[in-house]
Amino acid sequence: MKITLISTSSRENSNSLRFVSFLRHLLAEEGQHEVSLVTFENYDIPLVGQGSVKKDTLTPFQEELIGAWEAADLVLFAMPEYNWTAPPQATNAIHQLGGPAFKHLFDNKVFAMVGISNGRGGRQPALDMTTVVNKIISFTTSYSIVSPKLYESHETDKNLDENGHFIGHEVYDRTARAFLAYTLTVAQRWIGTEQLVGEE
């Protein structure tokens, strides 16, 4: 399976990057997935109303993001919680890429959402992004699914080191692994279904 992990924080060495690095380590243990990791540290997507993303003039960051996203079967967004919602970079990226020119980014995919916090939070950005992505899937008549199980990464910096290695409480490791296992199962079933439909 091709998996793209996206850290939507523009901060260097962010907690969101720690989390997707942690997932990449877990996926490497299985050794059967092709994993790409994209970070928003070099984010340069113009704000809605102040510019647009054009296929023929993509910046290096935009090309990396779009290329990894379109190649993936499973796209996972890790989002820091800013003032009880998703970061503006994440929502702006979705709005800019949610039109006809990039419709394919929302077709034949499985999406998964993770909210990141250095305290006890993270649920709201994952819920907000789920709503927006579901709406775009519906509006563009695409055939994708957002996995119903989201993950709240609490006290991320206490549970993961700067390289995404687990250093914390057993509950964190166990629940993160359970989230990943569930997400992979949903993706495998959805991808299998899509392949069967295409063969009919």
N, C-alpha and C. Protein backbone atom coordinates (compact mmCIF):
# COMPACT_ATOMS: atom_id res chain seq x y z
N MET A 1 0.84 -1.19 0.00
CA MET A 1 0.00 0.00 0.00
C MET A 1 0.88 1.24 0.00
N LYS A 2 0.47 2.25 -0.76
CA LYS A 2 1.19 3.52 -0.77
C LYS A 2 0.55 4.47 0.23
N ILE A 3 1.36 4.95 1.16
CA ILE A 3 0.86 5.77 2.27
C ILE A 3 1.62 7.09 2.30
N THR A 4 0.88 8.19 2.39
CA THR A 4 1.50 9.51 2.56
C THR A 4 1.10 10.08 3.91
N LEU A 5 2.11 10.43 4.70
CA LEU A 5 1.93 11.02 6.02
C LEU A 5 2.24 12.51 5.91
N ILE A 6 1.30 13.36 6.29
CA ILE A 6 1.46 14.80 6.12
C ILE A 6 1.43 15.50 7.47
N SER A 7 2.54 16.15 7.82
CA SER A 7 2.61 16.97 9.02
C SER A 7 2.23 18.39 8.64
N THR A 8 1.10 18.89 9.13
CA THR A 8 0.58 20.18 8.68
C THR A 8 1.02 21.35 9.56
N SER A 9 2.03 21.16 10.36
CA SER A 9 2.60 22.27 11.13
C SER A 9 3.74 22.88 10.34
N SER A 10 3.80 24.22 10.32
CA SER A 10 4.88 24.91 9.61
C SER A 10 6.10 25.12 10.50
N ARG A 11 6.02 24.71 11.75
CA ARG A 11 7.15 24.86 12.67
C ARG A 11 8.20 23.77 12.42
N GLU A 12 9.45 24.13 12.58
CA GLU A 12 10.50 23.12 12.47
C GLU A 12 10.45 22.20 13.69
N ASN A 13 10.72 20.93 13.47
CA ASN A 13 10.76 19.94 14.55
C ASN A 13 9.48 19.95 15.39
N SER A 14 8.36 20.05 14.72
CA SER A 14 7.07 20.16 15.41
C SER A 14 6.63 18.83 16.01
N ASN A 15 5.65 18.93 16.89
CA ASN A 15 5.05 17.72 17.46
C ASN A 15 4.33 16.90 16.38
N SER A 16 3.77 17.59 15.39
CA SER A 16 3.11 16.88 14.28
C SER A 16 4.12 16.06 13.50
N LEU A 17 5.31 16.62 13.29
CA LEU A 17 6.37 15.89 12.60
C LEU A 17 6.83 14.71 13.44
N ARG A 18 6.90 14.89 14.75
CA ARG A 18 7.25 13.76 15.63
C ARG A 18 6.27 12.62 15.45
N PHE A 19 4.98 12.96 15.36
CA PHE A 19 3.97 11.91 15.28
C PHE A 19 4.04 11.15 13.96
N VAL A 20 4.14 11.88 12.84
CA VAL A 20 4.19 11.15 11.57
C VAL A 20 5.50 10.37 11.44
N SER A 21 6.57 10.87 12.05
CA SER A 21 7.82 10.10 12.07
C SER A 21 7.64 8.81 12.87
N PHE A 22 6.90 8.91 13.97
CA PHE A 22 6.58 7.73 14.79
C PHE A 22 5.80 6.71 13.96
N LEU A 23 4.80 7.18 13.22
CA LEU A 23 4.03 6.26 12.37
C LEU A 23 4.91 5.64 11.30
N ARG A 24 5.82 6.41 10.75
CA ARG A 24 6.71 5.85 9.73
C ARG A 24 7.57 4.73 10.32
N HIS A 25 8.01 4.90 11.58
CA HIS A 25 8.76 3.84 12.24
C HIS A 25 7.90 2.58 12.41
N LEU A 26 6.65 2.77 12.81
CA LEU A 26 5.74 1.63 13.00
C LEU A 26 5.48 0.92 11.67
N LEU A 27 5.29 1.69 10.61
CA LEU A 27 5.03 1.10 9.30
C LEU A 27 6.26 0.36 8.78
N ALA A 28 7.44 0.88 9.13
CA ALA A 28 8.68 0.21 8.70
C ALA A 28 8.81 -1.16 9.35
N GLU A 29 8.25 -1.32 10.56
CA GLU A 29 8.28 -2.62 11.23
C GLU A 29 7.55 -3.68 10.41
N GLU A 30 6.49 -3.26 9.72
CA GLU A 30 5.73 -4.20 8.89
C GLU A 30 6.48 -4.49 7.59
N GLY A 31 7.16 -3.48 7.06
CA GLY A 31 7.98 -3.66 5.88
C GLY A 31 7.24 -3.98 4.60
N GLN A 32 5.95 -3.64 4.52
CA GLN A 32 5.19 -3.98 3.32
C GLN A 32 4.49 -2.78 2.70
N HIS A 33 4.85 -1.58 3.12
CA HIS A 33 4.21 -0.38 2.61
C HIS A 33 5.24 0.57 2.02
N GLU A 34 4.81 1.35 1.06
CA GLU A 34 5.63 2.41 0.48
C GLU A 34 5.18 3.72 1.12
N VAL A 35 6.04 4.30 1.95
CA VAL A 35 5.64 5.43 2.79
C VAL A 35 6.37 6.70 2.37
N SER A 36 5.60 7.79 2.20
CA SER A 36 6.16 9.12 1.95
C SER A 36 5.77 10.02 3.11
N LEU A 37 6.65 10.94 3.45
CA LEU A 37 6.38 11.89 4.53
C LEU A 37 6.57 13.29 3.98
N VAL A 38 5.56 14.13 4.20
CA VAL A 38 5.60 15.53 3.76
C VAL A 38 5.38 16.42 4.98
N THR A 39 6.22 17.44 5.11
CA THR A 39 6.05 18.40 6.21
C THR A 39 5.75 19.78 5.63
N PHE A 40 5.01 20.57 6.37
CA PHE A 40 4.62 21.91 5.93
C PHE A 40 5.63 22.98 6.30
N GLU A 41 6.85 22.62 6.65
CA GLU A 41 7.85 23.61 7.06
C GLU A 41 8.15 24.62 5.95
N ASN A 42 8.04 24.19 4.69
CA ASN A 42 8.27 25.09 3.56
C ASN A 42 6.98 25.46 2.84
N TYR A 43 5.90 25.46 3.57
CA TYR A 43 4.56 25.75 3.04
C TYR A 43 4.53 27.09 2.31
N ASP A 44 3.99 27.08 1.09
CA ASP A 44 3.91 28.34 0.33
C ASP A 44 2.65 28.40 -0.54
N ILE A 45 1.60 27.72 -0.13
CA ILE A 45 0.34 27.79 -0.86
C ILE A 45 -0.33 29.13 -0.56
N PRO A 46 -0.68 29.90 -1.59
CA PRO A 46 -1.28 31.21 -1.33
C PRO A 46 -2.64 31.09 -0.64
N LEU A 47 -2.97 32.10 0.10
CA LEU A 47 -4.27 32.12 0.77
C LEU A 47 -5.39 32.19 -0.26
N VAL A 48 -6.51 31.56 0.06
CA VAL A 48 -7.68 31.64 -0.80
C VAL A 48 -8.05 33.12 -0.99
N GLY A 49 -8.25 33.52 -2.23
CA GLY A 49 -8.58 34.91 -2.53
C GLY A 49 -7.37 35.76 -2.86
N GLN A 50 -6.17 35.21 -2.61
CA GLN A 50 -4.95 35.97 -2.89
C GLN A 50 -4.05 35.27 -3.91
N GLY A 51 -4.55 34.22 -4.49
CA GLY A 51 -3.78 33.46 -5.46
C GLY A 51 -4.32 32.05 -5.54
N SER A 52 -3.72 31.25 -6.40
CA SER A 52 -4.17 29.87 -6.56
C SER A 52 -2.99 28.99 -6.91
N VAL A 53 -3.22 27.68 -6.79
CA VAL A 53 -2.19 26.70 -7.15
C VAL A 53 -2.41 26.30 -8.60
N LYS A 54 -1.40 26.46 -9.43
CA LYS A 54 -1.52 26.17 -10.86
C LYS A 54 -0.65 24.97 -11.22
N LYS A 55 -1.24 24.00 -11.91
CA LYS A 55 -0.54 22.75 -12.22
C LYS A 55 0.78 22.96 -12.96
N ASP A 56 0.83 23.96 -13.82
CA ASP A 56 2.02 24.15 -14.66
C ASP A 56 3.09 25.02 -14.03
N THR A 57 2.82 25.57 -12.84
CA THR A 57 3.82 26.42 -12.17
C THR A 57 3.94 26.06 -10.69
N LEU A 58 4.01 24.78 -10.39
CA LEU A 58 4.09 24.36 -9.00
C LEU A 58 5.46 24.69 -8.42
N THR A 59 5.45 25.12 -7.15
CA THR A 59 6.70 25.33 -6.44
C THR A 59 7.24 23.96 -5.99
N PRO A 60 8.49 23.89 -5.55
CA PRO A 60 9.00 22.60 -5.06
C PRO A 60 8.15 22.00 -3.94
N PHE A 61 7.70 22.83 -3.00
CA PHE A 61 6.85 22.30 -1.92
C PHE A 61 5.53 21.78 -2.46
N GLN A 62 4.89 22.56 -3.32
CA GLN A 62 3.61 22.15 -3.88
C GLN A 62 3.74 20.87 -4.69
N GLU A 63 4.82 20.76 -5.45
CA GLU A 63 5.05 19.55 -6.24
C GLU A 63 5.26 18.34 -5.34
N GLU A 64 6.00 18.52 -4.25
CA GLU A 64 6.21 17.42 -3.32
C GLU A 64 4.91 16.98 -2.68
N LEU A 65 4.12 17.94 -2.19
CA LEU A 65 2.85 17.63 -1.54
C LEU A 65 1.89 16.94 -2.50
N ILE A 66 1.67 17.54 -3.65
CA ILE A 66 0.70 17.00 -4.61
C ILE A 66 1.16 15.66 -5.15
N GLY A 67 2.45 15.54 -5.44
CA GLY A 67 2.96 14.27 -5.97
C GLY A 67 2.80 13.13 -4.99
N ALA A 68 3.13 13.37 -3.72
CA ALA A 68 3.01 12.32 -2.71
C ALA A 68 1.54 11.99 -2.44
N TRP A 69 0.70 13.01 -2.44
CA TRP A 69 -0.73 12.84 -2.18
C TRP A 69 -1.39 12.04 -3.30
N GLU A 70 -1.14 12.42 -4.56
CA GLU A 70 -1.83 11.75 -5.66
C GLU A 70 -1.36 10.31 -5.84
N ALA A 71 -0.15 9.99 -5.41
CA ALA A 71 0.36 8.63 -5.55
C ALA A 71 -0.16 7.69 -4.46
N ALA A 72 -0.71 8.25 -3.39
CA ALA A 72 -1.05 7.47 -2.21
C ALA A 72 -2.42 6.80 -2.30
N ASP A 73 -2.51 5.63 -1.67
CA ASP A 73 -3.80 5.00 -1.41
C ASP A 73 -4.40 5.55 -0.12
N LEU A 74 -3.52 5.77 0.86
CA LEU A 74 -3.93 6.27 2.17
C LEU A 74 -3.19 7.58 2.45
N VAL A 75 -3.94 8.62 2.78
CA VAL A 75 -3.37 9.94 3.10
C VAL A 75 -3.74 10.27 4.54
N LEU A 76 -2.73 10.48 5.36
CA LEU A 76 -2.97 10.78 6.77
C LEU A 76 -2.49 12.19 7.08
N PHE A 77 -3.37 12.99 7.67
CA PHE A 77 -3.04 14.35 8.07
C PHE A 77 -2.85 14.41 9.59
N ALA A 78 -1.71 14.93 10.02
CA ALA A 78 -1.46 15.19 11.44
C ALA A 78 -1.50 16.69 11.63
N MET A 79 -2.41 17.16 12.50
CA MET A 79 -2.69 18.60 12.61
C MET A 79 -2.56 19.08 14.05
N PRO A 80 -1.74 20.09 14.27
CA PRO A 80 -1.68 20.67 15.61
C PRO A 80 -2.97 21.42 15.91
N GLU A 81 -3.31 21.47 17.17
CA GLU A 81 -4.52 22.20 17.56
C GLU A 81 -4.15 23.64 17.88
N TYR A 82 -4.67 24.57 17.07
CA TYR A 82 -4.47 26.01 17.30
C TYR A 82 -5.81 26.63 17.65
N ASN A 83 -5.93 27.13 18.89
CA ASN A 83 -7.17 27.78 19.32
C ASN A 83 -8.39 26.90 19.02
N TRP A 84 -8.27 25.62 19.36
CA TRP A 84 -9.36 24.66 19.30
C TRP A 84 -9.81 24.30 17.89
N THR A 85 -8.94 24.49 16.91
CA THR A 85 -9.29 24.07 15.56
C THR A 85 -8.02 23.71 14.79
N ALA A 86 -8.19 23.34 13.52
CA ALA A 86 -7.06 22.96 12.68
C ALA A 86 -6.23 24.19 12.32
N PRO A 87 -4.95 24.02 12.03
CA PRO A 87 -4.11 25.16 11.65
C PRO A 87 -4.56 25.73 10.31
N PRO A 88 -4.39 27.02 10.10
CA PRO A 88 -4.85 27.65 8.85
C PRO A 88 -4.17 27.08 7.61
N GLN A 89 -2.92 26.65 7.73
CA GLN A 89 -2.23 26.08 6.57
C GLN A 89 -2.95 24.83 6.06
N ALA A 90 -3.42 24.01 7.00
CA ALA A 90 -4.09 22.76 6.61
C ALA A 90 -5.41 23.05 5.91
N THR A 91 -6.23 23.90 6.49
CA THR A 91 -7.53 24.18 5.88
C THR A 91 -7.37 24.94 4.57
N ASN A 92 -6.39 25.84 4.49
CA ASN A 92 -6.16 26.57 3.24
C ASN A 92 -5.72 25.62 2.13
N ALA A 93 -4.85 24.66 2.46
CA ALA A 93 -4.41 23.69 1.46
C ALA A 93 -5.58 22.88 0.92
N ILE A 94 -6.46 22.46 1.82
CA ILE A 94 -7.63 21.69 1.39
C ILE A 94 -8.53 22.53 0.50
N HIS A 95 -8.76 23.79 0.88
CA HIS A 95 -9.62 24.66 0.07
C HIS A 95 -9.00 24.93 -1.30
N GLN A 96 -7.69 25.14 -1.36
CA GLN A 96 -7.03 25.45 -2.62
C GLN A 96 -6.98 24.24 -3.55
N LEU A 97 -6.87 23.05 -2.99
CA LEU A 97 -6.74 21.85 -3.81
C LEU A 97 -8.07 21.12 -4.00
N GLY A 98 -9.14 21.68 -3.46
CA GLY A 98 -10.43 21.01 -3.49
C GLY A 98 -11.28 21.33 -4.70
N GLY A 99 -10.70 22.00 -5.71
CA GLY A 99 -11.46 22.35 -6.90
C GLY A 99 -11.24 21.38 -8.05
N PRO A 100 -11.81 21.70 -9.21
CA PRO A 100 -11.74 20.78 -10.37
C PRO A 100 -10.32 20.42 -10.81
N ALA A 101 -9.38 21.36 -10.73
CA ALA A 101 -8.03 21.09 -11.24
C ALA A 101 -7.32 19.97 -10.48
N PHE A 102 -7.67 19.80 -9.21
CA PHE A 102 -7.01 18.79 -8.39
C PHE A 102 -8.01 17.79 -7.81
N LYS A 103 -9.12 17.61 -8.51
CA LYS A 103 -10.16 16.69 -8.05
C LYS A 103 -9.63 15.30 -7.78
N HIS A 104 -8.64 14.88 -8.59
CA HIS A 104 -8.11 13.52 -8.46
C HIS A 104 -7.48 13.26 -7.10
N LEU A 105 -7.11 14.33 -6.38
CA LEU A 105 -6.52 14.15 -5.05
C LEU A 105 -7.54 13.63 -4.04
N PHE A 106 -8.81 13.74 -4.37
CA PHE A 106 -9.87 13.30 -3.46
C PHE A 106 -10.62 12.08 -3.99
N ASP A 107 -10.06 11.44 -5.01
CA ASP A 107 -10.74 10.29 -5.61
C ASP A 107 -9.93 9.01 -5.37
N ASN A 108 -10.63 7.94 -5.02
CA ASN A 108 -10.00 6.64 -4.77
C ASN A 108 -8.92 6.71 -3.69
N LYS A 109 -9.23 7.38 -2.61
CA LYS A 109 -8.31 7.52 -1.49
C LYS A 109 -9.01 7.12 -0.19
N VAL A 110 -8.18 6.80 0.78
CA VAL A 110 -8.64 6.72 2.17
C VAL A 110 -7.89 7.80 2.93
N PHE A 111 -8.61 8.60 3.69
CA PHE A 111 -8.02 9.66 4.49
C PHE A 111 -8.13 9.30 5.97
N ALA A 112 -7.14 9.73 6.73
CA ALA A 112 -7.18 9.53 8.19
C ALA A 112 -6.71 10.82 8.86
N MET A 113 -7.29 11.11 10.02
CA MET A 113 -7.04 12.39 10.69
C MET A 113 -6.50 12.19 12.11
N VAL A 114 -5.47 12.96 12.42
CA VAL A 114 -4.86 12.95 13.75
C VAL A 114 -4.73 14.37 14.25
N GLY A 115 -5.18 14.62 15.47
CA GLY A 115 -5.00 15.92 16.11
C GLY A 115 -3.85 15.84 17.10
N ILE A 116 -2.99 16.86 17.08
CA ILE A 116 -1.76 16.85 17.86
C ILE A 116 -1.81 17.92 18.95
N SER A 117 -1.40 17.55 20.16
CA SER A 117 -1.36 18.52 21.26
C SER A 117 -0.17 18.22 22.16
N ASN A 118 0.33 19.28 22.80
CA ASN A 118 1.36 19.04 23.83
C ASN A 118 0.72 18.95 25.20
N GLY A 119 -0.62 19.06 25.22
CA GLY A 119 -1.39 18.87 26.46
C GLY A 119 -2.44 17.80 26.24
N ARG A 120 -3.66 18.10 26.69
CA ARG A 120 -4.77 17.16 26.51
C ARG A 120 -5.73 17.74 25.48
N GLY A 121 -5.43 17.56 24.23
CA GLY A 121 -6.25 18.12 23.16
C GLY A 121 -6.01 17.39 21.87
N GLY A 122 -6.53 17.97 20.78
CA GLY A 122 -6.31 17.43 19.46
C GLY A 122 -7.55 16.92 18.76
N ARG A 123 -8.63 16.75 19.49
CA ARG A 123 -9.82 16.17 18.87
C ARG A 123 -10.45 17.12 17.84
N GLN A 124 -10.55 18.40 18.19
CA GLN A 124 -11.29 19.32 17.33
C GLN A 124 -10.69 19.50 15.94
N PRO A 125 -9.36 19.67 15.80
CA PRO A 125 -8.83 19.80 14.44
C PRO A 125 -9.08 18.56 13.59
N ALA A 126 -9.02 17.39 14.19
CA ALA A 126 -9.29 16.16 13.44
C ALA A 126 -10.75 16.11 12.99
N LEU A 127 -11.65 16.51 13.87
CA LEU A 127 -13.07 16.54 13.51
C LEU A 127 -13.35 17.57 12.43
N ASP A 128 -12.76 18.76 12.58
CA ASP A 128 -12.99 19.83 11.60
C ASP A 128 -12.48 19.43 10.22
N MET A 129 -11.30 18.83 10.15
CA MET A 129 -10.75 18.43 8.86
C MET A 129 -11.55 17.27 8.26
N THR A 130 -12.06 16.38 9.11
CA THR A 130 -12.93 15.31 8.62
C THR A 130 -14.15 15.89 7.91
N THR A 131 -14.76 16.89 8.51
CA THR A 131 -15.95 17.52 7.93
C THR A 131 -15.64 18.14 6.57
N VAL A 132 -14.54 18.90 6.50
CA VAL A 132 -14.19 19.58 5.25
C VAL A 132 -13.85 18.59 4.15
N VAL A 133 -13.03 17.58 4.45
CA VAL A 133 -12.64 16.61 3.43
C VAL A 133 -13.85 15.80 2.96
N ASN A 134 -14.72 15.41 3.89
CA ASN A 134 -15.95 14.70 3.49
C ASN A 134 -16.80 15.55 2.56
N LYS A 135 -16.88 16.84 2.85
CA LYS A 135 -17.69 17.74 2.01
C LYS A 135 -17.10 17.83 0.61
N ILE A 136 -15.77 17.91 0.50
CA ILE A 136 -15.15 18.00 -0.82
C ILE A 136 -15.33 16.69 -1.59
N ILE A 137 -15.20 15.57 -0.92
CA ILE A 137 -15.44 14.27 -1.56
C ILE A 137 -16.85 14.23 -2.14
N SER A 138 -17.81 14.68 -1.35
CA SER A 138 -19.20 14.69 -1.80
C SER A 138 -19.41 15.68 -2.94
N PHE A 139 -18.90 16.90 -2.78
CA PHE A 139 -19.13 17.97 -3.76
C PHE A 139 -18.52 17.63 -5.12
N THR A 140 -17.36 16.95 -5.11
CA THR A 140 -16.69 16.61 -6.37
C THR A 140 -17.11 15.24 -6.91
N THR A 141 -18.10 14.64 -6.25
CA THR A 141 -18.58 13.31 -6.63
C THR A 141 -17.42 12.33 -6.75
N SER A 142 -16.56 12.37 -5.77
CA SER A 142 -15.41 11.47 -5.74
C SER A 142 -15.76 10.22 -4.94
N TYR A 143 -14.93 9.19 -5.10
CA TYR A 143 -15.17 7.94 -4.41
C TYR A 143 -14.01 7.67 -3.46
N SER A 144 -14.11 8.28 -2.31
CA SER A 144 -13.11 8.13 -1.25
C SER A 144 -13.83 8.02 0.08
N ILE A 145 -13.04 7.78 1.11
CA ILE A 145 -13.62 7.65 2.45
C ILE A 145 -12.65 8.24 3.47
N VAL A 146 -13.21 8.88 4.48
CA VAL A 146 -12.42 9.31 5.63
C VAL A 146 -12.64 8.28 6.72
N SER A 147 -11.57 7.67 7.17
CA SER A 147 -11.69 6.65 8.21
C SER A 147 -12.39 7.23 9.44
N PRO A 148 -13.37 6.53 9.98
CA PRO A 148 -14.12 7.07 11.12
C PRO A 148 -13.33 7.16 12.41
N LYS A 149 -12.22 6.46 12.51
CA LYS A 149 -11.45 6.47 13.75
C LYS A 149 -10.35 7.52 13.66
N LEU A 150 -10.47 8.57 14.47
CA LEU A 150 -9.41 9.57 14.52
C LEU A 150 -8.55 9.32 15.76
N TYR A 151 -7.42 10.02 15.80
CA TYR A 151 -6.53 9.84 16.95
C TYR A 151 -6.19 11.19 17.55
N GLU A 152 -6.19 11.25 18.87
CA GLU A 152 -5.78 12.44 19.61
C GLU A 152 -4.43 12.15 20.27
N SER A 153 -3.41 12.84 19.78
CA SER A 153 -2.07 12.65 20.32
C SER A 153 -1.86 13.62 21.49
N HIS A 154 -2.10 13.13 22.70
CA HIS A 154 -1.94 13.95 23.90
C HIS A 154 -0.48 13.98 24.35
N GLU A 155 -0.07 15.12 24.91
CA GLU A 155 1.27 15.24 25.50
C GLU A 155 2.32 14.62 24.57
N THR A 156 2.25 15.05 23.32
CA THR A 156 3.08 14.44 22.28
C THR A 156 4.57 14.51 22.59
N ASP A 157 5.02 15.67 23.07
CA ASP A 157 6.46 15.84 23.33
C ASP A 157 6.94 15.03 24.52
N LYS A 158 6.02 14.55 25.34
CA LYS A 158 6.41 13.71 26.47
C LYS A 158 6.42 12.23 26.08
N ASN A 159 5.76 11.91 24.97
CA ASN A 159 5.66 10.51 24.54
C ASN A 159 6.55 10.16 23.36
N LEU A 160 6.96 11.18 22.60
CA LEU A 160 7.79 10.94 21.42
C LEU A 160 8.99 11.89 21.44
N ASP A 161 10.16 11.38 21.11
CA ASP A 161 11.32 12.26 21.05
C ASP A 161 11.34 13.00 19.72
N GLU A 162 12.37 13.83 19.50
CA GLU A 162 12.41 14.68 18.31
C GLU A 162 12.54 13.89 17.01
N ASN A 163 12.90 12.64 17.11
CA ASN A 163 13.01 11.79 15.91
C ASN A 163 11.82 10.84 15.75
N GLY A 164 10.80 11.03 16.59
CA GLY A 164 9.60 10.20 16.48
C GLY A 164 9.72 8.84 17.12
N HIS A 165 10.66 8.67 18.04
CA HIS A 165 10.78 7.40 18.76
C HIS A 165 9.98 7.48 20.05
N PHE A 166 9.29 6.39 20.36
CA PHE A 166 8.44 6.34 21.55
C PHE A 166 9.28 6.35 22.83
N ILE A 167 8.92 7.26 23.76
CA ILE A 167 9.64 7.38 25.03
C ILE A 167 8.68 7.51 26.21
N GLY A 168 7.39 7.36 25.98
CA GLY A 168 6.41 7.75 26.99
C GLY A 168 5.63 6.63 27.64
N HIS A 169 4.36 6.92 27.85
CA HIS A 169 3.46 6.03 28.58
C HIS A 169 2.97 4.90 27.70
N GLU A 170 2.84 3.73 28.28
CA GLU A 170 2.42 2.54 27.54
C GLU A 170 1.08 2.74 26.85
N VAL A 171 0.18 3.49 27.47
CA VAL A 171 -1.15 3.70 26.89
C VAL A 171 -1.03 4.42 25.55
N TYR A 172 -0.13 5.39 25.46
CA TYR A 172 0.06 6.14 24.21
C TYR A 172 0.49 5.19 23.10
N ASP A 173 1.48 4.39 23.36
CA ASP A 173 1.98 3.46 22.35
C ASP A 173 0.89 2.47 21.92
N ARG A 174 0.17 1.96 22.90
CA ARG A 174 -0.86 0.96 22.59
C ARG A 174 -2.00 1.57 21.77
N THR A 175 -2.46 2.75 22.15
CA THR A 175 -3.59 3.35 21.44
C THR A 175 -3.19 3.85 20.05
N ALA A 176 -1.95 4.34 19.91
CA ALA A 176 -1.48 4.77 18.59
C ALA A 176 -1.37 3.58 17.64
N ARG A 177 -0.86 2.47 18.15
CA ARG A 177 -0.77 1.26 17.32
C ARG A 177 -2.15 0.75 16.94
N ALA A 178 -3.10 0.83 17.86
CA ALA A 178 -4.46 0.38 17.56
C ALA A 178 -5.10 1.28 16.50
N PHE A 179 -4.86 2.58 16.59
CA PHE A 179 -5.36 3.51 15.58
C PHE A 179 -4.78 3.18 14.21
N LEU A 180 -3.48 2.94 14.16
CA LEU A 180 -2.83 2.64 12.89
C LEU A 180 -3.35 1.32 12.31
N ALA A 181 -3.51 0.31 13.15
CA ALA A 181 -4.01 -0.98 12.68
C ALA A 181 -5.42 -0.85 12.11
N TYR A 182 -6.27 -0.09 12.79
CA TYR A 182 -7.64 0.14 12.33
C TYR A 182 -7.63 0.86 10.99
N THR A 183 -6.81 1.91 10.89
CA THR A 183 -6.74 2.70 9.67
C THR A 183 -6.26 1.86 8.49
N LEU A 184 -5.27 1.03 8.71
CA LEU A 184 -4.77 0.17 7.64
C LEU A 184 -5.82 -0.84 7.20
N THR A 185 -6.58 -1.36 8.15
CA THR A 185 -7.64 -2.31 7.81
C THR A 185 -8.71 -1.65 6.95
N VAL A 186 -9.13 -0.44 7.35
CA VAL A 186 -10.11 0.29 6.55
C VAL A 186 -9.57 0.54 5.14
N ALA A 187 -8.32 0.97 5.05
CA ALA A 187 -7.72 1.26 3.75
C ALA A 187 -7.63 0.01 2.88
N GLN A 188 -7.22 -1.10 3.48
CA GLN A 188 -7.10 -2.35 2.72
C GLN A 188 -8.46 -2.81 2.20
N ARG A 189 -9.48 -2.67 3.01
CA ARG A 189 -10.82 -3.08 2.57
C ARG A 189 -11.33 -2.15 1.47
N TRP A 190 -11.09 -0.85 1.62
CA TRP A 190 -11.58 0.11 0.63
C TRP A 190 -10.84 -0.07 -0.68
N ILE A 191 -9.53 -0.20 -0.63
CA ILE A 191 -8.73 -0.38 -1.84
C ILE A 191 -9.11 -1.68 -2.53
N GLY A 192 -9.31 -2.74 -1.75
CA GLY A 192 -9.73 -4.01 -2.32
C GLY A 192 -11.05 -3.91 -3.01
N THR A 193 -11.99 -3.19 -2.40
CA THR A 193 -13.30 -2.98 -3.00
C THR A 193 -13.18 -2.21 -4.29
N GLU A 194 -12.36 -1.14 -4.29
CA GLU A 194 -12.18 -0.33 -5.48
C GLU A 194 -11.60 -1.16 -6.62
N GLN A 195 -10.64 -2.01 -6.31
CA GLN A 195 -10.03 -2.84 -7.34
C GLN A 195 -11.04 -3.82 -7.92
N LEU A 196 -11.88 -4.40 -7.07
CA LEU A 196 -12.88 -5.33 -7.55
C LEU A 196 -13.88 -4.65 -8.46
N VAL A 197 -14.31 -3.42 -8.07
CA VAL A 197 -15.25 -2.68 -8.90
C VAL A 197 -14.62 -2.39 -10.25
N GLY A 198 -13.33 -2.02 -10.27
CA GLY A 198 -12.66 -1.71 -11.52
C GLY A 198 -12.50 -2.91 -12.42
N GLU A 199 -12.49 -4.11 -11.85
CA GLU A 199 -12.31 -5.34 -12.63
C GLU A 199 -13.60 -5.87 -13.21
N GLU A 200 -14.72 -5.37 -12.70
CA GLU A 200 -16.03 -5.88 -13.16
C GLU A 200 -16.38 -5.38 -14.55
